[in-house]
């Protein structure tokens, strides 16, 4: 309070001048419609800009909630689509939306950390996908988080199909490029062309059949073993992936019992 009185004492002439000028300006604008309309137009323009900025800020801050809502809706759609693809009334897969919070791509054995764990129903062995492919398989779970063995891991093998020929193979990442991988067990007689689609074949029950993973970028027929070496490029960029879906196979345990 003492500082306030001191400030007023030092600057009382300036404060008085500002007060009188403000009151004079108020009287002038109030009694002249032209100046009043100009002043309102001026203030509306700037207050509108401020409110527009505030609205955009609110929209940006609410994107997180909107993204979560869209993920939940996508998860429902994936479940419905899996039922339609299997031509059955049973839903064979459920999808749990999650977010990637840590990801490595430059190591020989890469891992991913996601923000869903045991309390969300996540278990070891569940597949994890994104909109443009698969990214790995859950290896370890805690209460709130899970560690995923990335598709960019030399210990990872994904069962796939060459869509054009219907031939099945195993996808393994054994390159230094995080966007490419290889398939070494497709027969030479398969009609392979550059640009062909590689997708999951559903053999393992970890991933549903028909998820597009990659495109063929080159291939070479083997002379000794009769198998092609197929180089592929992932559809999904693992370095930018943020939102993902954990795949819960509702028939996995039943199938494993039969095996």
C-alpha atoms as a PDB file:
ATOM      1  CA  UNK A   1       0.000   0.000   0.000  1.00  0.00           C
ATOM      2  CA  UNK A   2       2.836   2.393   0.843  1.00  0.00           C
ATOM      3  CA  UNK A   3       4.388   1.761  -2.569  1.00  0.00           C
ATOM      4  CA  UNK A   4       1.052   2.505  -4.229  1.00  0.00           C
ATOM      5  CA  UNK A   5       0.754   5.889  -2.509  1.00  0.00           C
ATOM      6  CA  UNK A   6       4.342   6.632  -3.394  1.00  0.00           C
ATOM      7  CA  UNK A   7       3.690   5.800  -7.044  1.00  0.00           C
ATOM      8  CA  UNK A   8       0.607   8.058  -7.135  1.00  0.00           C
ATOM      9  CA  UNK A   9       2.543  10.889  -5.477  1.00  0.00           C
ATOM     10  CA  UNK A  10       5.362  10.714  -8.018  1.00  0.00           C
ATOM     11  CA  UNK A  11       3.189  10.357 -11.120  1.00  0.00           C
ATOM     12  CA  UNK A  12       0.023  12.181 -10.004  1.00  0.00           C
ATOM     13  CA  UNK A  13       0.281  14.802 -12.797  1.00  0.00           C
ATOM     14  CA  UNK A  14       0.558  12.141 -15.489  1.00  0.00           C
ATOM     15  CA  UNK A  15      -2.239  10.075 -13.961  1.00  0.00           C
ATOM     16  CA  UNK A  16      -4.483  13.125 -13.710  1.00  0.00           C
ATOM     17  CA  UNK A  17      -3.751  14.007 -17.341  1.00  0.00           C
ATOM     18  CA  UNK A  18      -4.619  10.482 -18.491  1.00  0.00           C
ATOM     19  CA  UNK A  19      -7.823  10.526 -16.466  1.00  0.00           C
ATOM     20  CA  UNK A  20      -8.971  13.868 -17.894  1.00  0.00           C
ATOM     21  CA  UNK A  21      -8.036  12.873 -21.449  1.00  0.00           C
ATOM     22  CA  UNK A  22      -9.901   9.584 -21.124  1.00  0.00           C
ATOM     23  CA  UNK A  23     -12.998  11.328 -19.784  1.00  0.00           C
ATOM     24  CA  UNK A  24     -12.825  13.931 -22.573  1.00  0.00           C
ATOM     25  CA  UNK A  25     -12.480  11.198 -25.174  1.00  0.00           C
ATOM     26  CA  UNK A  26     -15.441   9.376 -23.672  1.00  0.00           C
ATOM     27  CA  UNK A  27     -17.614  12.526 -23.856  1.00  0.00           C
ATOM     28  CA  UNK A  28     -16.490  13.200 -27.414  1.00  0.00           C
ATOM     29  CA  UNK A  29     -17.308   9.700 -28.646  1.00  0.00           C
ATOM     30  CA  UNK A  30     -20.600   9.540 -26.726  1.00  0.00           C
ATOM     31  CA  UNK A  31     -21.894  12.728 -28.331  1.00  0.00           C
ATOM     32  CA  UNK A  32     -20.775  12.108 -31.897  1.00  0.00           C
ATOM     33  CA  UNK A  33     -22.310   9.127 -33.668  1.00  0.00           C
ATOM     34  CA  UNK A  34     -19.747   9.022 -36.483  1.00  0.00           C
ATOM     35  CA  UNK A  35     -16.796   8.845 -34.080  1.00  0.00           C
ATOM     36  CA  UNK A  36     -18.750   6.379 -31.951  1.00  0.00           C
ATOM     37  CA  UNK A  37     -19.283   4.027 -34.884  1.00  0.00           C
ATOM     38  CA  UNK A  38     -15.626   4.290 -35.866  1.00  0.00           C
ATOM     39  CA  UNK A  39     -14.523   3.554 -32.332  1.00  0.00           C
ATOM     40  CA  UNK A  40     -16.844   0.543 -32.049  1.00  0.00           C
ATOM     41  CA  UNK A  41     -15.633  -0.750 -35.389  1.00  0.00           C
ATOM     42  CA  UNK A  42     -12.032  -0.379 -34.246  1.00  0.00           C
ATOM     43  CA  UNK A  43     -12.598  -2.099 -30.915  1.00  0.00           C
ATOM     44  CA  UNK A  44     -14.663  -4.864 -32.509  1.00  0.00           C
ATOM     45  CA  UNK A  45     -11.878  -5.658 -34.946  1.00  0.00           C
ATOM     46  CA  UNK A  46      -9.297  -6.076 -32.220  1.00  0.00           C
ATOM     47  CA  UNK A  47     -11.546  -7.780 -29.692  1.00  0.00           C
ATOM     48  CA  UNK A  48     -12.639 -10.123 -32.466  1.00  0.00           C
ATOM     49  CA  UNK A  49      -9.007 -10.968 -33.163  1.00  0.00           C
ATOM     50  CA  UNK A  50      -8.430 -11.615 -29.480  1.00  0.00           C
ATOM     51  CA  UNK A  51     -11.485 -13.862 -29.165  1.00  0.00           C
ATOM     52  CA  UNK A  52     -10.522 -15.644 -32.381  1.00  0.00           C
ATOM     53  CA  UNK A  53      -7.068 -16.349 -30.960  1.00  0.00           C
ATOM     54  CA  UNK A  54      -8.634 -17.507 -27.680  1.00  0.00           C
ATOM     55  CA  UNK A  55     -11.039 -19.775 -29.576  1.00  0.00           C
ATOM     56  CA  UNK A  56      -8.213 -21.280 -31.642  1.00  0.00           C
ATOM     57  CA  UNK A  57      -6.228 -21.827 -28.457  1.00  0.00           C
ATOM     58  CA  UNK A  58      -9.167 -23.641 -26.864  1.00  0.00           C
ATOM     59  CA  UNK A  59      -9.583 -25.791 -29.972  1.00  0.00           C
ATOM     60  CA  UNK A  60      -5.896 -26.664 -29.921  1.00  0.00           C
ATOM     61  CA  UNK A  61      -6.027 -27.578 -26.225  1.00  0.00           C
ATOM     62  CA  UNK A  62      -9.097 -29.738 -26.834  1.00  0.00           C
ATOM     63  CA  UNK A  63      -7.445 -31.677 -29.678  1.00  0.00           C
ATOM     64  CA  UNK A  64      -6.157 -34.247 -27.198  1.00  0.00           C
ATOM     65  CA  UNK A  65      -9.702 -35.102 -26.108  1.00  0.00           C
ATOM     66  CA  UNK A  66     -10.917 -35.095 -29.713  1.00  0.00           C
ATOM     67  CA  UNK A  67      -8.097 -37.425 -30.752  1.00  0.00           C
ATOM     68  CA  UNK A  68      -8.977 -39.813 -27.930  1.00  0.00           C
ATOM     69  CA  UNK A  69     -12.621 -39.794 -29.037  1.00  0.00           C
ATOM     70  CA  UNK A  70     -11.659 -40.482 -32.664  1.00  0.00           C
ATOM     71  CA  UNK A  71      -9.348 -43.305 -31.578  1.00  0.00           C
ATOM     72  CA  UNK A  72     -12.174 -44.948 -29.630  1.00  0.00           C
ATOM     73  CA  UNK A  73     -14.467 -44.654 -32.652  1.00  0.00           C
ATOM     74  CA  UNK A  74     -11.781 -46.096 -34.954  1.00  0.00           C
ATOM     75  CA  UNK A  75     -11.289 -48.981 -32.548  1.00  0.00           C
ATOM     76  CA  UNK A  76     -15.018 -49.782 -32.787  1.00  0.00           C
ATOM     77  CA  UNK A  77     -14.864 -49.634 -36.584  1.00  0.00           C
ATOM     78  CA  UNK A  78     -11.870 -51.970 -36.737  1.00  0.00           C
ATOM     79  CA  UNK A  79     -13.788 -54.479 -34.601  1.00  0.00           C
ATOM     80  CA  UNK A  80     -16.789 -54.284 -36.933  1.00  0.00           C
ATOM     81  CA  UNK A  81     -14.602 -54.608 -40.038  1.00  0.00           C
ATOM     82  CA  UNK A  82     -12.861 -57.673 -38.628  1.00  0.00           C
ATOM     83  CA  UNK A  83     -16.259 -59.311 -38.179  1.00  0.00           C
ATOM     84  CA  UNK A  84     -17.282 -58.506 -41.765  1.00  0.00           C
ATOM     85  CA  UNK A  85     -14.015 -59.818 -43.227  1.00  0.00           C
ATOM     86  CA  UNK A  86     -14.434 -63.150 -41.446  1.00  0.00           C
ATOM     87  CA  UNK A  87     -18.025 -63.486 -42.770  1.00  0.00           C
ATOM     88  CA  UNK A  88     -19.312 -64.390 -39.317  1.00  0.00           C
ATOM     89  CA  UNK A  89     -21.551 -62.874 -36.709  1.00  0.00           C
ATOM     90  CA  UNK A  90     -18.756 -63.147 -34.132  1.00  0.00           C
ATOM     91  CA  UNK A  91     -16.426 -60.261 -33.383  1.00  0.00           C
ATOM     92  CA  UNK A  92     -13.026 -61.968 -33.413  1.00  0.00           C
ATOM     93  CA  UNK A  93     -10.900 -58.968 -32.463  1.00  0.00           C
ATOM     94  CA  UNK A  94     -11.283 -56.015 -30.147  1.00  0.00           C
ATOM     95  CA  UNK A  95      -9.155 -52.886 -30.397  1.00  0.00           C
ATOM     96  CA  UNK A  96      -7.792 -50.825 -27.534  1.00  0.00           C
ATOM     97  CA  UNK A  97      -6.666 -47.303 -28.526  1.00  0.00           C
ATOM     98  CA  UNK A  98      -3.294 -46.242 -27.170  1.00  0.00           C
ATOM     99  CA  UNK A  99      -0.603 -43.633 -27.629  1.00  0.00           C
ATOM    100  CA  UNK A 100       3.076 -44.209 -28.349  1.00  0.00           C
ATOM    101  CA  UNK A 101       5.101 -42.389 -25.696  1.00  0.00           C
ATOM    102  CA  UNK A 102       8.570 -43.706 -26.580  1.00  0.00           C
ATOM    103  CA  UNK A 103       9.913 -45.249 -29.743  1.00  0.00           C
ATOM    104  CA  UNK A 104      13.316 -46.313 -31.052  1.00  0.00           C
ATOM    105  CA  UNK A 105      14.112 -46.964 -34.723  1.00  0.00           C
ATOM    106  CA  UNK A 106      17.901 -46.884 -35.088  1.00  0.00           C
ATOM    107  CA  UNK A 107      18.922 -49.831 -32.874  1.00  0.00           C
ATOM    108  CA  UNK A 108      19.259 -53.449 -33.978  1.00  0.00           C
ATOM    109  CA  UNK A 109      16.475 -54.454 -31.594  1.00  0.00           C
ATOM    110  CA  UNK A 110      13.985 -51.619 -31.253  1.00  0.00           C
ATOM    111  CA  UNK A 111      11.175 -51.300 -28.729  1.00  0.00           C
ATOM    112  CA  UNK A 112       8.082 -49.131 -28.286  1.00  0.00           C
ATOM    113  CA  UNK A 113       6.460 -47.911 -25.066  1.00  0.00           C
ATOM    114  CA  UNK A 114       2.679 -47.341 -25.047  1.00  0.00           C
ATOM    115  CA  UNK A 115       0.387 -45.754 -22.455  1.00  0.00           C
ATOM    116  CA  UNK A 116      -1.873 -48.771 -21.814  1.00  0.00           C
ATOM    117  CA  UNK A 117      -1.231 -51.645 -19.412  1.00  0.00           C
ATOM    118  CA  UNK A 118      -2.775 -54.444 -17.380  1.00  0.00           C
ATOM    119  CA  UNK A 119      -5.577 -52.272 -16.004  1.00  0.00           C
ATOM    120  CA  UNK A 120      -6.698 -51.632 -19.599  1.00  0.00           C
ATOM    121  CA  UNK A 121      -6.766 -55.336 -20.433  1.00  0.00           C
ATOM    122  CA  UNK A 122      -3.417 -55.432 -22.248  1.00  0.00           C
ATOM    123  CA  UNK A 123      -1.513 -58.728 -22.110  1.00  0.00           C
ATOM    124  CA  UNK A 124       1.764 -60.024 -23.435  1.00  0.00           C
ATOM    125  CA  UNK A 125       1.458 -61.371 -26.995  1.00  0.00           C
ATOM    126  CA  UNK A 126      -1.100 -58.864 -28.255  1.00  0.00           C
ATOM    127  CA  UNK A 127      -0.441 -57.253 -31.614  1.00  0.00           C
ATOM    128  CA  UNK A 128      -0.232 -53.487 -32.070  1.00  0.00           C
ATOM    129  CA  UNK A 129      -1.246 -51.749 -35.282  1.00  0.00           C
ATOM    130  CA  UNK A 130      -1.600 -48.275 -36.737  1.00  0.00           C
ATOM    131  CA  UNK A 131      -3.837 -47.084 -39.561  1.00  0.00           C
ATOM    132  CA  UNK A 132      -1.218 -47.972 -42.201  1.00  0.00           C
ATOM    133  CA  UNK A 133       0.167 -51.255 -40.921  1.00  0.00           C
ATOM    134  CA  UNK A 134       1.412 -53.139 -37.878  1.00  0.00           C
ATOM    135  CA  UNK A 135       4.168 -51.922 -35.554  1.00  0.00           C
ATOM    136  CA  UNK A 136       4.873 -54.792 -33.162  1.00  0.00           C
ATOM    137  CA  UNK A 137       3.787 -57.233 -30.462  1.00  0.00           C
ATOM    138  CA  UNK A 138       3.365 -56.545 -26.738  1.00  0.00           C
ATOM    139  CA  UNK A 139       6.189 -58.190 -24.771  1.00  0.00           C
ATOM    140  CA  UNK A 140       5.955 -56.814 -21.209  1.00  0.00           C
ATOM    141  CA  UNK A 141       3.085 -55.116 -19.359  1.00  0.00           C
ATOM    142  CA  UNK A 142       2.883 -53.111 -16.146  1.00  0.00           C
ATOM    143  CA  UNK A 143      -0.224 -51.667 -14.537  1.00  0.00           C
ATOM    144  CA  UNK A 144      -0.337 -48.563 -16.736  1.00  0.00           C
ATOM    145  CA  UNK A 145       2.173 -49.129 -19.548  1.00  0.00           C
ATOM    146  CA  UNK A 146       3.345 -51.791 -21.988  1.00  0.00           C
ATOM    147  CA  UNK A 147       6.577 -52.519 -23.819  1.00  0.00           C
ATOM    148  CA  UNK A 148       6.185 -53.553 -27.448  1.00  0.00           C
ATOM    149  CA  UNK A 149       8.738 -55.510 -29.479  1.00  0.00           C
ATOM    150  CA  UNK A 150       8.888 -53.361 -32.580  1.00  0.00           C
ATOM    151  CA  UNK A 151       8.596 -54.725 -36.095  1.00  0.00           C
ATOM    152  CA  UNK A 152      12.036 -53.083 -36.387  1.00  0.00           C
ATOM    153  CA  UNK A 153      13.557 -55.804 -34.228  1.00  0.00           C
ATOM    154  CA  UNK A 154      15.709 -58.675 -35.462  1.00  0.00           C
ATOM    155  CA  UNK A 155      13.849 -61.049 -33.140  1.00  0.00           C
ATOM    156  CA  UNK A 156      10.481 -60.079 -34.638  1.00  0.00           C
ATOM    157  CA  UNK A 157       8.786 -62.152 -37.349  1.00  0.00           C
ATOM    158  CA  UNK A 158       5.399 -61.256 -38.851  1.00  0.00           C
ATOM    159  CA  UNK A 159       3.412 -63.767 -40.879  1.00  0.00           C
ATOM    160  CA  UNK A 160       2.416 -62.086 -44.172  1.00  0.00           C
ATOM    161  CA  UNK A 161       0.921 -62.717 -47.602  1.00  0.00           C
ATOM    162  CA  UNK A 162       1.826 -61.443 -51.054  1.00  0.00           C
ATOM    163  CA  UNK A 163      -1.591 -60.221 -52.137  1.00  0.00           C
ATOM    164  CA  UNK A 164      -1.274 -60.741 -55.895  1.00  0.00           C
ATOM    165  CA  UNK A 165      -0.164 -64.380 -55.760  1.00  0.00           C
ATOM    166  CA  UNK A 166      -1.625 -65.374 -52.397  1.00  0.00           C
ATOM    167  CA  UNK A 167       1.754 -66.818 -51.368  1.00  0.00           C
ATOM    168  CA  UNK A 168       2.584 -66.646 -47.656  1.00  0.00           C
ATOM    169  CA  UNK A 169       5.877 -65.699 -46.081  1.00  0.00           C
ATOM    170  CA  UNK A 170       7.603 -64.246 -43.039  1.00  0.00           C
ATOM    171  CA  UNK A 171       8.538 -60.598 -42.776  1.00  0.00           C
ATOM    172  CA  UNK A 172      11.808 -59.857 -40.977  1.00  0.00           C
ATOM    173  CA  UNK A 173      13.587 -56.553 -40.484  1.00  0.00           C
ATOM    174  CA  UNK A 174      17.281 -57.044 -41.066  1.00  0.00           C
ATOM    175  CA  UNK A 175      18.328 -53.777 -42.645  1.00  0.00           C
ATOM    176  CA  UNK A 176      19.670 -50.479 -41.400  1.00  0.00           C
ATOM    177  CA  UNK A 177      16.749 -48.608 -42.967  1.00  0.00           C
ATOM    178  CA  UNK A 178      13.724 -48.293 -40.673  1.00  0.00           C
ATOM    179  CA  UNK A 179      11.405 -47.994 -43.682  1.00  0.00           C
ATOM    180  CA  UNK A 180      12.359 -51.290 -45.373  1.00  0.00           C
ATOM    181  CA  UNK A 181      12.363 -55.020 -44.585  1.00  0.00           C
ATOM    182  CA  UNK A 182      12.668 -58.386 -46.362  1.00  0.00           C
ATOM    183  CA  UNK A 183      10.695 -61.547 -47.102  1.00  0.00           C
ATOM    184  CA  UNK A 184      12.862 -64.543 -47.985  1.00  0.00           C
ATOM    185  CA  UNK A 185      10.442 -67.474 -48.261  1.00  0.00           C
ATOM    186  CA  UNK A 186       8.116 -66.725 -51.178  1.00  0.00           C
ATOM    187  CA  UNK A 187       8.553 -69.258 -54.048  1.00  0.00           C
ATOM    188  CA  UNK A 188      10.196 -68.209 -57.314  1.00  0.00           C
ATOM    189  CA  UNK A 189       7.084 -69.065 -59.320  1.00  0.00           C
ATOM    190  CA  UNK A 190       4.997 -66.394 -57.512  1.00  0.00           C
ATOM    191  CA  UNK A 191       3.955 -63.577 -59.815  1.00  0.00           C
ATOM    192  CA  UNK A 192       5.699 -60.723 -57.997  1.00  0.00           C
ATOM    193  CA  UNK A 193       5.744 -57.203 -59.356  1.00  0.00           C
ATOM    194  CA  UNK A 194       7.136 -53.950 -57.998  1.00  0.00           C
ATOM    195  CA  UNK A 195       4.403 -52.066 -56.164  1.00  0.00           C
ATOM    196  CA  UNK A 196       2.557 -55.223 -55.053  1.00  0.00           C
ATOM    197  CA  UNK A 197       0.905 -55.158 -51.628  1.00  0.00           C
ATOM    198  CA  UNK A 198       2.110 -57.172 -48.639  1.00  0.00           C
ATOM    199  CA  UNK A 199      -0.460 -57.764 -45.901  1.00  0.00           C
ATOM    200  CA  UNK A 200      -1.060 -59.897 -42.813  1.00  0.00           C
ATOM    201  CA  UNK A 201      -2.381 -63.395 -43.497  1.00  0.00           C
ATOM    202  CA  UNK A 202      -4.025 -64.035 -40.123  1.00  0.00           C
ATOM    203  CA  UNK A 203      -2.160 -67.318 -39.510  1.00  0.00           C
ATOM    204  CA  UNK A 204      -0.835 -66.358 -36.083  1.00  0.00           C
ATOM    205  CA  UNK A 205      -4.123 -64.992 -34.646  1.00  0.00           C
ATOM    206  CA  UNK A 206      -2.081 -62.054 -33.311  1.00  0.00           C
ATOM    207  CA  UNK A 207      -3.005 -59.888 -36.281  1.00  0.00           C
ATOM    208  CA  UNK A 208      -6.226 -60.128 -38.288  1.00  0.00           C
ATOM    209  CA  UNK A 209      -6.010 -61.068 -41.934  1.00  0.00           C
ATOM    210  CA  UNK A 210      -5.807 -58.286 -44.496  1.00  0.00           C
ATOM    211  CA  UNK A 211      -3.912 -55.455 -42.795  1.00  0.00           C
ATOM    212  CA  UNK A 212      -1.809 -53.814 -45.501  1.00  0.00           C
ATOM    213  CA  UNK A 213       1.788 -53.480 -44.294  1.00  0.00           C
ATOM    214  CA  UNK A 214       4.107 -52.696 -47.182  1.00  0.00           C
ATOM    215  CA  UNK A 215       4.767 -52.459 -50.922  1.00  0.00           C
ATOM    216  CA  UNK A 216       7.303 -54.454 -52.944  1.00  0.00           C
ATOM    217  CA  UNK A 217      10.226 -52.270 -54.051  1.00  0.00           C
ATOM    218  CA  UNK A 218      12.491 -54.988 -55.525  1.00  0.00           C
ATOM    219  CA  UNK A 219      12.904 -58.759 -55.700  1.00  0.00           C
ATOM    220  CA  UNK A 220      15.430 -61.377 -56.794  1.00  0.00           C
ATOM    221  CA  UNK A 221      14.765 -65.024 -57.538  1.00  0.00           C
ATOM    222  CA  UNK A 222      16.947 -67.522 -55.717  1.00  0.00           C
ATOM    223  CA  UNK A 223      18.788 -70.169 -57.757  1.00  0.00           C
ATOM    224  CA  UNK A 224      19.665 -72.569 -54.956  1.00  0.00           C
ATOM    225  CA  UNK A 225      16.614 -72.727 -52.707  1.00  0.00           C
ATOM    226  CA  UNK A 226      13.917 -71.700 -55.202  1.00  0.00           C
ATOM    227  CA  UNK A 227      12.791 -68.817 -53.012  1.00  0.00           C
ATOM    228  CA  UNK A 228      12.620 -65.108 -53.808  1.00  0.00           C
ATOM    229  CA  UNK A 229      14.347 -62.391 -51.822  1.00  0.00           C
ATOM    230  CA  UNK A 230      11.695 -59.671 -51.699  1.00  0.00           C
ATOM    231  CA  UNK A 231      12.532 -56.169 -50.506  1.00  0.00           C
ATOM    232  CA  UNK A 232       9.586 -54.186 -49.200  1.00  0.00           C
ATOM    233  CA  UNK A 233       8.889 -50.658 -47.987  1.00  0.00           C
ATOM    234  CA  UNK A 234       6.562 -50.076 -45.042  1.00  0.00           C
ATOM    235  CA  UNK A 235       3.426 -48.024 -45.619  1.00  0.00           C
ATOM    236  CA  UNK A 236       3.722 -46.574 -42.132  1.00  0.00           C
ATOM    237  CA  UNK A 237       6.541 -44.273 -41.062  1.00  0.00           C
ATOM    238  CA  UNK A 238       7.621 -45.644 -37.683  1.00  0.00           C
ATOM    239  CA  UNK A 239       9.439 -42.412 -36.871  1.00  0.00           C
ATOM    240  CA  UNK A 240       6.229 -40.367 -36.884  1.00  0.00           C
ATOM    241  CA  UNK A 241       3.716 -42.874 -35.487  1.00  0.00           C
ATOM    242  CA  UNK A 242       1.848 -41.493 -32.451  1.00  0.00           C
ATOM    243  CA  UNK A 243      -1.553 -43.167 -32.192  1.00  0.00           C
ATOM    244  CA  UNK A 244      -1.941 -46.940 -32.285  1.00  0.00           C
ATOM    245  CA  UNK A 245      -4.370 -49.785 -31.510  1.00  0.00           C
ATOM    246  CA  UNK A 246      -3.717 -52.871 -29.395  1.00  0.00           C
ATOM    247  CA  UNK A 247      -5.349 -55.935 -30.928  1.00  0.00           C
ATOM    248  CA  UNK A 248      -7.087 -58.312 -28.543  1.00  0.00           C
ATOM    249  CA  UNK A 249      -7.779 -61.615 -30.259  1.00  0.00           C
ATOM    250  CA  UNK A 250     -10.908 -63.116 -28.705  1.00  0.00           C
ATOM    251  CA  UNK A 251     -10.184 -66.550 -30.212  1.00  0.00           C
ATOM    252  CA  UNK A 252      -6.425 -66.814 -29.598  1.00  0.00           C
ATOM    253  CA  UNK A 253      -6.658 -69.035 -26.512  1.00  0.00           C
ATOM    254  CA  UNK A 254      -9.179 -71.352 -28.183  1.00  0.00           C
ATOM    255  CA  UNK A 255      -6.963 -71.725 -31.266  1.00  0.00           C
ATOM    256  CA  UNK A 256      -3.880 -72.394 -29.149  1.00  0.00           C
ATOM    257  CA  UNK A 257      -5.723 -75.154 -27.286  1.00  0.00           C
ATOM    258  CA  UNK A 258      -6.449 -76.870 -30.612  1.00  0.00           C
ATOM    259  CA  UNK A 259      -2.789 -76.647 -31.605  1.00  0.00           C
END
